[in-house]
PDB file of all heavy atoms in Angstrom:
ATOM      1  N   SER A   1      20.424  -0.595   1.640  1.00  0.00           N
ATOM      2  CA  SER A   1      20.305  -0.778   0.192  1.00  0.00           C
ATOM      3  C   SER A   1      18.905  -1.158  -0.274  1.00  0.00           C
ATOM      4  O   SER A   1      18.542  -0.895  -1.411  1.00  0.00           O
ATOM      5  CB  SER A   1      21.305  -1.836  -0.278  1.00  0.00           C
ATOM      6  OG  SER A   1      21.077  -3.053   0.413  1.00  0.00           O
ATOM      7  N   ASP A   2      18.113  -1.749   0.605  1.00  0.00           N
ATOM      8  CA  ASP A   2      16.829  -2.271   0.131  1.00  0.00           C
ATOM      9  C   ASP A   2      15.603  -1.517   0.649  1.00  0.00           C
ATOM     10  O   ASP A   2      14.486  -1.959   0.463  1.00  0.00           O
ATOM     11  CB  ASP A   2      16.720  -3.757   0.468  1.00  0.00           C
ATOM     12  CG  ASP A   2      16.946  -4.036   1.943  1.00  0.00           C
ATOM     13  OD1 ASP A   2      17.294  -3.094   2.687  1.00  0.00           O
ATOM     14  OD2 ASP A   2      16.757  -5.185   2.348  1.00  0.00           O
ATOM     15  N   SER A   3      15.797  -0.378   1.301  1.00  0.00           N
ATOM     16  CA  SER A   3      14.667   0.455   1.722  1.00  0.00           C
ATOM     17  C   SER A   3      15.213   1.807   2.164  1.00  0.00           C
ATOM     18  O   SER A   3      16.414   2.001   2.219  1.00  0.00           O
ATOM     19  CB  SER A   3      13.870  -0.220   2.854  1.00  0.00           C
ATOM     20  OG  SER A   3      14.654  -0.364   4.003  1.00  0.00           O
ATOM     21  N   VAL A   4      14.325   2.726   2.467  1.00  0.00           N
ATOM     22  CA  VAL A   4      14.766   4.057   2.892  1.00  0.00           C
ATOM     23  C   VAL A   4      14.845   4.126   4.410  1.00  0.00           C
ATOM     24  O   VAL A   4      14.074   3.472   5.102  1.00  0.00           O
ATOM     25  CB  VAL A   4      13.832   5.174   2.364  1.00  0.00           C
ATOM     26  CG1 VAL A   4      13.878   5.238   0.851  1.00  0.00           C
ATOM     27  CG2 VAL A   4      12.419   4.977   2.846  1.00  0.00           C
ATOM     28  N   VAL A   5      15.793   4.921   4.906  1.00  0.00           N
ATOM     29  CA  VAL A   5      15.914   5.119   6.351  1.00  0.00           C
ATOM     30  C   VAL A   5      14.712   5.918   6.838  1.00  0.00           C
ATOM     31  O   VAL A   5      14.116   5.607   7.856  1.00  0.00           O
ATOM     32  CB  VAL A   5      17.237   5.829   6.701  1.00  0.00           C
ATOM     33  CG1 VAL A   5      17.273   6.211   8.163  1.00  0.00           C
ATOM     34  CG2 VAL A   5      18.408   4.943   6.351  1.00  0.00           C
ATOM     35  N   ALA A   6      14.351   6.956   6.085  1.00  0.00           N
ATOM     36  CA  ALA A   6      13.175   7.778   6.393  1.00  0.00           C
ATOM     37  C   ALA A   6      12.787   8.513   5.125  1.00  0.00           C
ATOM     38  O   ALA A   6      13.654   8.902   4.338  1.00  0.00           O
ATOM     39  CB  ALA A   6      13.498   8.767   7.504  1.00  0.00           C
ATOM     40  N   PRO A   7      11.483   8.704   4.906  1.00  0.00           N
ATOM     41  CA  PRO A   7      11.047   9.471   3.729  1.00  0.00           C
ATOM     42  C   PRO A   7      11.572  10.911   3.798  1.00  0.00           C
ATOM     43  O   PRO A   7      11.826  11.424   4.900  1.00  0.00           O
ATOM     44  CB  PRO A   7       9.515   9.452   3.829  1.00  0.00           C
ATOM     45  CG  PRO A   7       9.177   8.395   4.819  1.00  0.00           C
ATOM     46  CD  PRO A   7      10.374   8.239   5.719  1.00  0.00           C
ATOM     47  N   PRO A   8      11.748  11.575   2.641  1.00  0.00           N
ATOM     48  CA  PRO A   8      12.303  12.941   2.624  1.00  0.00           C
ATOM     49  C   PRO A   8      11.589  13.909   3.561  1.00  0.00           C
ATOM     50  O   PRO A   8      12.248  14.705   4.241  1.00  0.00           O
ATOM     51  CB  PRO A   8      12.152  13.368   1.162  1.00  0.00           C
ATOM     52  CG  PRO A   8      12.135  12.092   0.396  1.00  0.00           C
ATOM     53  CD  PRO A   8      11.483  11.075   1.306  1.00  0.00           C
ATOM     54  N   GLN A   9      10.254  13.853   3.630  1.00  0.00           N
ATOM     55  CA  GLN A   9       9.538  14.802   4.495  1.00  0.00           C
ATOM     56  C   GLN A   9       9.860  14.568   5.972  1.00  0.00           C
ATOM     57  O   GLN A   9       9.925  15.516   6.750  1.00  0.00           O
ATOM     58  CB  GLN A   9       8.024  14.791   4.234  1.00  0.00           C
ATOM     59  CG  GLN A   9       7.316  13.495   4.566  1.00  0.00           C
ATOM     60  CD  GLN A   9       7.277  12.498   3.420  1.00  0.00           C
ATOM     61  OE1 GLN A   9       8.128  12.497   2.538  1.00  0.00           O
ATOM     62  NE2 GLN A   9       6.283  11.613   3.428  1.00  0.00           N
ATOM     63  N   ILE A  10      10.110  13.314   6.355  1.00  0.00           N
ATOM     64  CA  ILE A  10      10.500  13.021   7.740  1.00  0.00           C
ATOM     65  C   ILE A  10      11.927  13.517   7.994  1.00  0.00           C
ATOM     66  O   ILE A  10      12.206  14.128   9.023  1.00  0.00           O
ATOM     67  CB  ILE A  10      10.378  11.508   8.044  1.00  0.00           C
ATOM     68  CG1 ILE A  10       8.933  11.030   7.890  1.00  0.00           C
ATOM     69  CG2 ILE A  10      10.916  11.183   9.439  1.00  0.00           C
ATOM     70  CD1 ILE A  10       7.932  11.633   8.853  1.00  0.00           C
ATOM     71  N   LEU A  11      12.831  13.273   7.042  1.00  0.00           N
ATOM     72  CA  LEU A  11      14.205  13.781   7.177  1.00  0.00           C
ATOM     73  C   LEU A  11      14.208  15.298   7.315  1.00  0.00           C
ATOM     74  O   LEU A  11      14.936  15.849   8.151  1.00  0.00           O
ATOM     75  CB  LEU A  11      15.053  13.385   5.968  1.00  0.00           C
ATOM     76  CG  LEU A  11      15.656  11.990   5.971  1.00  0.00           C
ATOM     77  CD1 LEU A  11      16.357  11.724   4.645  1.00  0.00           C
ATOM     78  CD2 LEU A  11      16.607  11.799   7.131  1.00  0.00           C
ATOM     79  N   GLU A  12      13.403  15.981   6.498  1.00  0.00           N
ATOM     80  CA  GLU A  12      13.321  17.452   6.572  1.00  0.00           C
ATOM     81  C   GLU A  12      12.819  17.901   7.939  1.00  0.00           C
ATOM     82  O   GLU A  12      13.359  18.827   8.532  1.00  0.00           O
ATOM     83  CB  GLU A  12      12.416  17.991   5.464  1.00  0.00           C
ATOM     84  CG  GLU A  12      13.031  17.876   4.086  1.00  0.00           C
ATOM     85  CD  GLU A  12      12.047  18.160   2.956  1.00  0.00           C
ATOM     86  OE1 GLU A  12      10.881  18.527   3.234  1.00  0.00           O
ATOM     87  OE2 GLU A  12      12.448  18.003   1.790  1.00  0.00           O
ATOM     88  N   MET A  13      11.780  17.240   8.440  1.00  0.00           N
ATOM     89  CA  MET A  13      11.228  17.582   9.746  1.00  0.00           C
ATOM     90  C   MET A  13      12.277  17.344  10.841  1.00  0.00           C
ATOM     91  O   MET A  13      12.488  18.194  11.703  1.00  0.00           O
ATOM     92  CB  MET A  13       9.981  16.761  10.037  1.00  0.00           C
ATOM     93  CG  MET A  13       9.392  17.001  11.426  1.00  0.00           C
ATOM     94  SD  MET A  13       8.166  15.768  11.900  1.00  0.00           S
ATOM     95  CE  MET A  13       9.199  14.320  12.141  1.00  0.00           C
ATOM     96  N   LEU A  14      12.967  16.197  10.799  1.00  0.00           N
ATOM     97  CA  LEU A  14      13.971  15.889  11.812  1.00  0.00           C
ATOM     98  C   LEU A  14      15.149  16.861  11.747  1.00  0.00           C
ATOM     99  O   LEU A  14      15.684  17.262  12.782  1.00  0.00           O
ATOM    100  CB  LEU A  14      14.458  14.447  11.662  1.00  0.00           C
ATOM    101  CG  LEU A  14      13.430  13.366  12.026  1.00  0.00           C
ATOM    102  CD1 LEU A  14      13.973  11.982  11.681  1.00  0.00           C
ATOM    103  CD2 LEU A  14      13.019  13.448  13.485  1.00  0.00           C
ATOM    104  N   ALA A  15      15.556  17.257  10.541  1.00  0.00           N
ATOM    105  CA  ALA A  15      16.643  18.232  10.386  1.00  0.00           C
ATOM    106  C   ALA A  15      16.243  19.564  11.002  1.00  0.00           C
ATOM    107  O   ALA A  15      17.048  20.216  11.684  1.00  0.00           O
ATOM    108  CB  ALA A  15      17.002  18.396   8.910  1.00  0.00           C
ATOM    109  N   ARG A  16      14.995  19.980  10.774  1.00  0.00           N
ATOM    110  CA  ARG A  16      14.497  21.246  11.333  1.00  0.00           C
ATOM    111  C   ARG A  16      14.461  21.173  12.869  1.00  0.00           C
ATOM    112  O   ARG A  16      14.929  22.080  13.556  1.00  0.00           O
ATOM    113  CB  ARG A  16      13.108  21.536  10.765  1.00  0.00           C
ATOM    114  CG  ARG A  16      12.566  22.911  11.105  1.00  0.00           C
ATOM    115  CD  ARG A  16      11.219  23.178  10.448  1.00  0.00           C
ATOM    116  NE  ARG A  16      10.176  22.257  10.902  1.00  0.00           N
ATOM    117  CZ  ARG A  16       9.664  21.257  10.178  1.00  0.00           C
ATOM    118  NH1 ARG A  16      10.075  21.038   8.952  1.00  0.00           N
ATOM    119  NH2 ARG A  16       8.730  20.483  10.667  1.00  0.00           N
ATOM    120  N   ILE A  17      13.941  20.078  13.403  1.00  0.00           N
ATOM    121  CA  ILE A  17      13.873  19.914  14.863  1.00  0.00           C
ATOM    122  C   ILE A  17      15.283  19.890  15.449  1.00  0.00           C
ATOM    123  O   ILE A  17      15.561  20.531  16.466  1.00  0.00           O
ATOM    124  CB  ILE A  17      13.092  18.633  15.233  1.00  0.00           C
ATOM    125  CG1 ILE A  17      11.607  18.802  14.889  1.00  0.00           C
ATOM    126  CG2 ILE A  17      13.267  18.291  16.710  1.00  0.00           C
ATOM    127  CD1 ILE A  17      10.799  17.518  14.991  1.00  0.00           C
ATOM    128  N   ALA A  18      16.204  19.144  14.803  1.00  0.00           N
ATOM    129  CA  ALA A  18      17.585  19.053  15.293  1.00  0.00           C
ATOM    130  C   ALA A  18      18.251  20.427  15.305  1.00  0.00           C
ATOM    131  O   ALA A  18      19.007  20.749  16.230  1.00  0.00           O
ATOM    132  CB  ALA A  18      18.387  18.070  14.444  1.00  0.00           C
ATOM    133  N   ALA A  19      17.982  21.243  14.296  1.00  0.00           N
ATOM    134  CA  ALA A  19      18.569  22.591  14.239  1.00  0.00           C
ATOM    135  C   ALA A  19      18.024  23.454  15.374  1.00  0.00           C
ATOM    136  O   ALA A  19      18.777  24.173  16.044  1.00  0.00           O
ATOM    137  CB  ALA A  19      18.292  23.238  12.883  1.00  0.00           C
ATOM    138  N   GLU A  20      16.706  23.365  15.611  1.00  0.00           N
ATOM    139  CA  GLU A  20      16.086  24.165  16.681  1.00  0.00           C
ATOM    140  C   GLU A  20      16.601  23.734  18.047  1.00  0.00           C
ATOM    141  O   GLU A  20      17.012  24.557  18.858  1.00  0.00           O
ATOM    142  CB  GLU A  20      14.564  24.017  16.637  1.00  0.00           C
ATOM    143  CG  GLU A  20      13.922  24.693  15.448  1.00  0.00           C
ATOM    144  CD  GLU A  20      12.454  24.312  15.265  1.00  0.00           C
ATOM    145  OE1 GLU A  20      11.860  23.651  16.159  1.00  0.00           O
ATOM    146  OE2 GLU A  20      11.894  24.654  14.212  1.00  0.00           O
ATOM    147  N   ILE A  21      16.586  22.444  18.306  1.00  0.00           N
ATOM    148  CA  ILE A  21      17.031  21.934  19.610  1.00  0.00           C
ATOM    149  C   ILE A  21      18.539  22.093  19.750  1.00  0.00           C
ATOM    150  O   ILE A  21      19.041  22.454  20.809  1.00  0.00           O
ATOM    151  CB  ILE A  21      16.587  20.470  19.792  1.00  0.00           C
ATOM    152  CG1 ILE A  21      15.053  20.426  19.909  1.00  0.00           C
ATOM    153  CG2 ILE A  21      17.241  19.852  21.027  1.00  0.00           C
ATOM    154  CD1 ILE A  21      14.463  19.054  19.885  1.00  0.00           C
ATOM    155  N   GLY A  22      19.268  21.836  18.656  1.00  0.00           N
ATOM    156  CA  GLY A  22      20.722  21.922  18.674  1.00  0.00           C
ATOM    157  C   GLY A  22      21.251  23.295  19.037  1.00  0.00           C
ATOM    158  O   GLY A  22      22.392  23.422  19.498  1.00  0.00           O
ATOM    159  N   ALA A  23      20.444  24.324  18.856  1.00  0.00           N
ATOM    160  CA  ALA A  23      20.859  25.674  19.252  1.00  0.00           C
ATOM    161  C   ALA A  23      20.956  25.790  20.779  1.00  0.00           C
ATOM    162  O   ALA A  23      21.663  26.645  21.295  1.00  0.00           O
ATOM    163  CB  ALA A  23      19.868  26.707  18.707  1.00  0.00           C
ATOM    164  N   LYS A  24      20.244  24.900  21.489  1.00  0.00           N
ATOM    165  CA  LYS A  24      20.215  24.955  22.952  1.00  0.00           C
ATOM    166  C   LYS A  24      20.795  23.714  23.608  1.00  0.00           C
ATOM    167  O   LYS A  24      21.216  23.744  24.760  1.00  0.00           O
ATOM    168  CB  LYS A  24      18.775  25.114  23.435  1.00  0.00           C
ATOM    169  CG  LYS A  24      18.093  26.377  22.941  1.00  0.00           C
ATOM    170  CD  LYS A  24      16.630  26.371  23.351  1.00  0.00           C
ATOM    171  CE  LYS A  24      15.863  27.478  22.699  1.00  0.00           C
ATOM    172  NZ  LYS A  24      15.256  27.115  21.432  1.00  0.00           N
ATOM    173  N   PHE A  25      20.782  22.581  22.893  1.00  0.00           N
ATOM    174  CA  PHE A  25      21.160  21.306  23.501  1.00  0.00           C
ATOM    175  C   PHE A  25      21.752  20.390  22.428  1.00  0.00           C
ATOM    176  O   PHE A  25      21.084  20.113  21.419  1.00  0.00           O
ATOM    177  CB  PHE A  25      19.916  20.638  24.107  1.00  0.00           C
ATOM    178  CG  PHE A  25      20.209  19.381  24.887  1.00  0.00           C
ATOM    179  CD1 PHE A  25      20.371  19.435  26.257  1.00  0.00           C
ATOM    180  CD2 PHE A  25      20.300  18.150  24.252  1.00  0.00           C
ATOM    181  CE1 PHE A  25      20.628  18.282  26.983  1.00  0.00           C
ATOM    182  CE2 PHE A  25      20.558  16.993  24.969  1.00  0.00           C
ATOM    183  CZ  PHE A  25      20.723  17.061  26.341  1.00  0.00           C
ATOM    184  N   THR A  26      22.981  19.951  22.637  1.00  0.00           N
ATOM    185  CA  THR A  26      23.579  18.988  21.715  1.00  0.00           C
ATOM    186  C   THR A  26      24.252  17.882  22.517  1.00  0.00           C
ATOM    187  O   THR A  26      24.652  18.115  23.653  1.00  0.00           O
ATOM    188  CB  THR A  26      24.639  19.644  20.794  1.00  0.00           C
ATOM    189  OG1 THR A  26      25.663  20.198  21.596  1.00  0.00           O
ATOM    190  CG2 THR A  26      24.033  20.673  19.889  1.00  0.00           C
ATOM    191  N   PRO A  27      24.339  16.699  21.957  1.00  0.00           N
ATOM    192  CA  PRO A  27      23.810  16.311  20.649  1.00  0.00           C
ATOM    193  C   PRO A  27      22.289  16.190  20.707  1.00  0.00           C
ATOM    194  O   PRO A  27      21.720  16.012  21.781  1.00  0.00           O
ATOM    195  CB  PRO A  27      24.473  14.956  20.391  1.00  0.00           C
ATOM    196  CG  PRO A  27      24.743  14.394  21.751  1.00  0.00           C
ATOM    197  CD  PRO A  27      25.028  15.572  22.634  1.00  0.00           C
ATOM    198  N   SER A  28      21.664  16.270  19.538  1.00  0.00           N
ATOM    199  CA  SER A  28      20.201  16.164  19.507  1.00  0.00           C
ATOM    200  C   SER A  28      19.699  15.153  18.481  1.00  0.00           C
ATOM    201  O   SER A  28      18.500  14.907  18.412  1.00  0.00           O
ATOM    202  CB  SER A  28      19.569  17.530  19.248  1.00  0.00           C
ATOM    203  OG  SER A  28      19.977  18.034  17.997  1.00  0.00           O
ATOM    204  N   ALA A  29      20.600  14.575  17.682  1.00  0.00           N
ATOM    205  CA  ALA A  29      20.172  13.572  16.696  1.00  0.00           C
ATOM    206  C   ALA A  29      21.323  12.610  16.412  1.00  0.00           C
ATOM    207  O   ALA A  29      22.492  13.014  16.450  1.00  0.00           O
ATOM    208  CB  ALA A  29      19.716  14.251  15.406  1.00  0.00           C
ATOM    209  N   TRP A  30      20.976  11.370  16.134  1.00  0.00           N
ATOM    210  CA  TRP A  30      21.962  10.326  15.889  1.00  0.00           C
ATOM    211  C   TRP A  30      21.517   9.427  14.737  1.00  0.00           C
ATOM    212  O   TRP A  30      20.330   9.180  14.547  1.00  0.00           O
ATOM    213  CB  TRP A  30      22.137   9.430  17.117  1.00  0.00           C
ATOM    214  CG  TRP A  30      22.609  10.132  18.332  1.00  0.00           C
ATOM    215  CD1 TRP A  30      23.897  10.225  18.778  1.00  0.00           C
ATOM    216  CD2 TRP A  30      21.822  10.841  19.300  1.00  0.00           C
ATOM    217  NE1 TRP A  30      23.948  10.957  19.948  1.00  0.00           N
ATOM    218  CE2 TRP A  30      22.686  11.342  20.294  1.00  0.00           C
ATOM    219  CE3 TRP A  30      20.455  11.110  19.421  1.00  0.00           C
ATOM    220  CZ2 TRP A  30      22.249  12.078  21.384  1.00  0.00           C
ATOM    221  CZ3 TRP A  30      20.008  11.853  20.498  1.00  0.00           C
ATOM    222  CH2 TRP A  30      20.907  12.334  21.470  1.00  0.00           C
ATOM    223  N   MET A  31      22.498   8.912  14.015  1.00  0.00           N
ATOM    224  CA  MET A  31      22.248   7.847  13.042  1.00  0.00           C
ATOM    225  C   MET A  31      22.350   6.535  13.816  1.00  0.00           C
ATOM    226  O   MET A  31      23.195   6.404  14.707  1.00  0.00           O
ATOM    227  CB  MET A  31      23.321   7.818  11.952  1.00  0.00           C
ATOM    228  CG  MET A  31      23.383   9.039  11.089  1.00  0.00           C
ATOM    229  SD  MET A  31      24.732   8.924   9.881  1.00  0.00           S
ATOM    230  CE  MET A  31      26.158   9.340  10.909  1.00  0.00           C
ATOM    231  N   ILE A  32      21.516   5.581  13.467  1.00  0.00           N
ATOM    232  CA  ILE A  32      21.649   4.228  13.994  1.00  0.00           C
ATOM    233  C   ILE A  32      22.401   3.461  12.913  1.00  0.00           C
ATOM    234  O   ILE A  32      21.907   3.313  11.790  1.00  0.00           O
ATOM    235  CB  ILE A  32      20.274   3.591  14.281  1.00  0.00           C
ATOM    236  CG1 ILE A  32      19.486   4.428  15.289  1.00  0.00           C
ATOM    237  CG2 ILE A  32      20.456   2.154  14.771  1.00  0.00           C
ATOM    238  CD1 ILE A  32      18.037   3.990  15.488  1.00  0.00           C
ATOM    239  N   VAL A  33      23.614   3.028  13.237  1.00  0.00           N
ATOM    240  CA  VAL A  33      24.495   2.403  12.249  1.00  0.00           C
ATOM    241  C   VAL A  33      24.823   0.988  12.693  1.00  0.00           C
ATOM    242  O   VAL A  33      25.207   0.760  13.847  1.00  0.00           O
ATOM    243  CB  VAL A  33      25.791   3.227  12.075  1.00  0.00           C
ATOM    244  CG1 VAL A  33      26.735   2.553  11.091  1.00  0.00           C
ATOM    245  CG2 VAL A  33      25.464   4.646  11.634  1.00  0.00           C
ATOM    246  N   GLU A  34      24.652   0.061  11.773  1.00  0.00           N
ATOM    247  CA  GLU A  34      25.012  -1.322  12.044  1.00  0.00           C
ATOM    248  C   GLU A  34      25.797  -1.851  10.854  1.00  0.00           C
ATOM    249  O   GLU A  34      25.344  -1.698   9.714  1.00  0.00           O
ATOM    250  CB  GLU A  34      23.747  -2.146  12.297  1.00  0.00           C
ATOM    251  CG  GLU A  34      24.034  -3.396  13.080  1.00  0.00           C
ATOM    252  CD  GLU A  34      22.801  -3.942  13.762  1.00  0.00           C
ATOM    253  OE1 GLU A  34      21.904  -4.430  13.074  1.00  0.00           O
ATOM    254  OE2 GLU A  34      22.753  -3.871  15.001  1.00  0.00           O
ATOM    255  N   ALA A  35      26.961  -2.417  11.126  1.00  0.00           N
ATOM    256  CA  ALA A  35      27.845  -2.939  10.075  1.00  0.00           C
ATOM    257  C   ALA A  35      28.102  -1.883   8.999  1.00  0.00           C
ATOM    258  O   ALA A  35      28.119  -2.192   7.807  1.00  0.00           O
ATOM    259  CB  ALA A  35      27.262  -4.215   9.476  1.00  0.00           C
ATOM    260  N   GLY A  36      28.267  -0.638   9.421  1.00  0.00           N
ATOM    261  CA  GLY A  36      28.578   0.451   8.499  1.00  0.00           C
ATOM    262  C   GLY A  36      27.391   0.989   7.728  1.00  0.00           C
ATOM    263  O   GLY A  36      27.526   1.907   6.920  1.00  0.00           O
ATOM    264  N   GLU A  37      26.217   0.453   7.980  1.00  0.00           N
ATOM    265  CA  GLU A  37      25.014   0.832   7.236  1.00  0.00           C
ATOM    266  C   GLU A  37      24.095   1.671   8.126  1.00  0.00           C
ATOM    267  O   GLU A  37      23.837   1.294   9.267  1.00  0.00           O
ATOM    268  CB  GLU A  37      24.306  -0.460   6.808  1.00  0.00           C
ATOM    269  CG  GLU A  37      23.264  -0.309   5.768  1.00  0.00           C
ATOM    270  CD  GLU A  37      22.771  -1.673   5.283  1.00  0.00           C
ATOM    271  OE1 GLU A  37      22.383  -2.510   6.116  1.00  0.00           O
ATOM    272  OE2 GLU A  37      22.782  -1.871   4.074  1.00  0.00           O
ATOM    273  N   ILE A  38      23.610   2.798   7.606  1.00  0.00           N
ATOM    274  CA  ILE A  38      22.650   3.615   8.355  1.00  0.00           C
ATOM    275  C   ILE A  38      21.303   2.902   8.278  1.00  0.00           C
ATOM    276  O   ILE A  38      20.699   2.814   7.216  1.00  0.00           O
ATOM    277  CB  ILE A  38      22.525   5.034   7.767  1.00  0.00           C
ATOM    278  CG1 ILE A  38      23.881   5.728   7.741  1.00  0.00           C
ATOM    279  CG2 ILE A  38      21.519   5.855   8.587  1.00  0.00           C
ATOM    280  CD1 ILE A  38      23.890   7.025   6.949  1.00  0.00           C
ATOM    281  N   VAL A  39      20.864   2.357   9.406  1.00  0.00           N
ATOM    282  CA  VAL A  39      19.618   1.583   9.427  1.00  0.00           C
ATOM    283  C   VAL A  39      18.468   2.347  10.055  1.00  0.00           C
ATOM    284  O   VAL A  39      17.315   1.915   9.986  1.00  0.00           O
ATOM    285  CB  VAL A  39      19.804   0.219  10.133  1.00  0.00           C
ATOM    286  CG1 VAL A  39      20.835  -0.631   9.402  1.00  0.00           C
ATOM    287  CG2 VAL A  39      20.190   0.386  11.599  1.00  0.00           C
ATOM    288  N   GLY A  40      18.760   3.493  10.684  1.00  0.00           N
ATOM    289  CA  GLY A  40      17.700   4.257  11.305  1.00  0.00           C
ATOM    290  C   GLY A  40      18.220   5.559  11.885  1.00  0.00           C
ATOM    291  O   GLY A  40      19.390   5.910  11.728  1.00  0.00           O
ATOM    292  N   LEU A  41      17.310   6.257  12.555  1.00  0.00           N
ATOM    293  CA  LEU A  41      17.616   7.542  13.170  1.00  0.00           C
ATOM    294  C   LEU A  41      16.965   7.609  14.541  1.00  0.00           C
ATOM    295  O   LEU A  41      15.898   7.021  14.760  1.00  0.00           O
ATOM    296  CB  LEU A  41      17.068   8.690  12.315  1.00  0.00           C
ATOM    297  CG  LEU A  41      17.527   8.752  10.857  1.00  0.00           C
ATOM    298  CD1 LEU A  41      16.713   9.775  10.086  1.00  0.00           C
ATOM    299  CD2 LEU A  41      19.013   9.065  10.778  1.00  0.00           C
ATOM    300  N   CYS A  42      17.603   8.320  15.458  1.00  0.00           N
ATOM    301  CA  CYS A  42      16.945   8.629  16.727  1.00  0.00           C
ATOM    302  C   CYS A  42      17.306  10.064  17.077  1.00  0.00           C
ATOM    303  O   CYS A  42      18.361  10.561  16.681  1.00  0.00           O
ATOM    304  CB  CYS A  42      17.307   7.649  17.834  1.00  0.00           C
ATOM    305  SG  CYS A  42      19.032   7.470  18.244  1.00  0.00           S
ATOM    306  N   SER A  43      16.401  10.738  17.771  1.00  0.00           N
ATOM    307  CA  SER A  43      16.659  12.141  18.065  1.00  0.00           C
ATOM    308  C   SER A  43      15.861  12.623  19.261  1.00  0.00           C
ATOM    309  O   SER A  43      14.890  12.004  19.683  1.00  0.00           O
ATOM    310  CB  SER A  43      16.340  13.010  16.843  1.00  0.00           C
ATOM    311  OG  SER A  43      15.005  12.863  16.445  1.00  0.00           O
ATOM    312  N   VAL A  44      16.327  13.744  19.793  1.00  0.00           N
ATOM    313  CA  VAL A  44      15.581  14.487  20.800  1.00  0.00           C
ATOM    314  C   VAL A  44      14.543  15.268  19.991  1.00  0.00           C
ATOM    315  O   VAL A  44      14.912  15.964  19.042  1.00  0.00           O
ATOM    316  CB  VAL A  44      16.514  15.434  21.589  1.00  0.00           C
ATOM    317  CG1 VAL A  44      15.718  16.277  22.572  1.00  0.00           C
ATOM    318  CG2 VAL A  44      17.617  14.646  22.290  1.00  0.00           C
ATOM    319  N   ILE A  45      13.282  15.141  20.320  1.00  0.00           N
ATOM    320  CA  ILE A  45      12.261  15.755  19.467  1.00  0.00           C
ATOM    321  C   ILE A  45      11.530  16.933  20.117  1.00  0.00           C
ATOM    322  O   ILE A  45      10.652  17.510  19.499  1.00  0.00           O
ATOM    323  CB  ILE A  45      11.249  14.710  18.938  1.00  0.00           C
ATOM    324  CG1 ILE A  45      10.542  13.983  20.072  1.00  0.00           C
ATOM    325  CG2 ILE A  45      11.955  13.724  18.015  1.00  0.00           C
ATOM    326  CD1 ILE A  45       9.409  13.093  19.596  1.00  0.00           C
TER     327      ILE A  45
END
């Protein structure tokens, strides 16, 4: 609620990378969730 998980350009880049890698290897990206809140992201890059 009080900050962004990632700026839009980073989300776009991570979505593109996840789509490319996901065609060959899954899972390739994860939300970091604590107490029901998305606090971060991690991914195969």
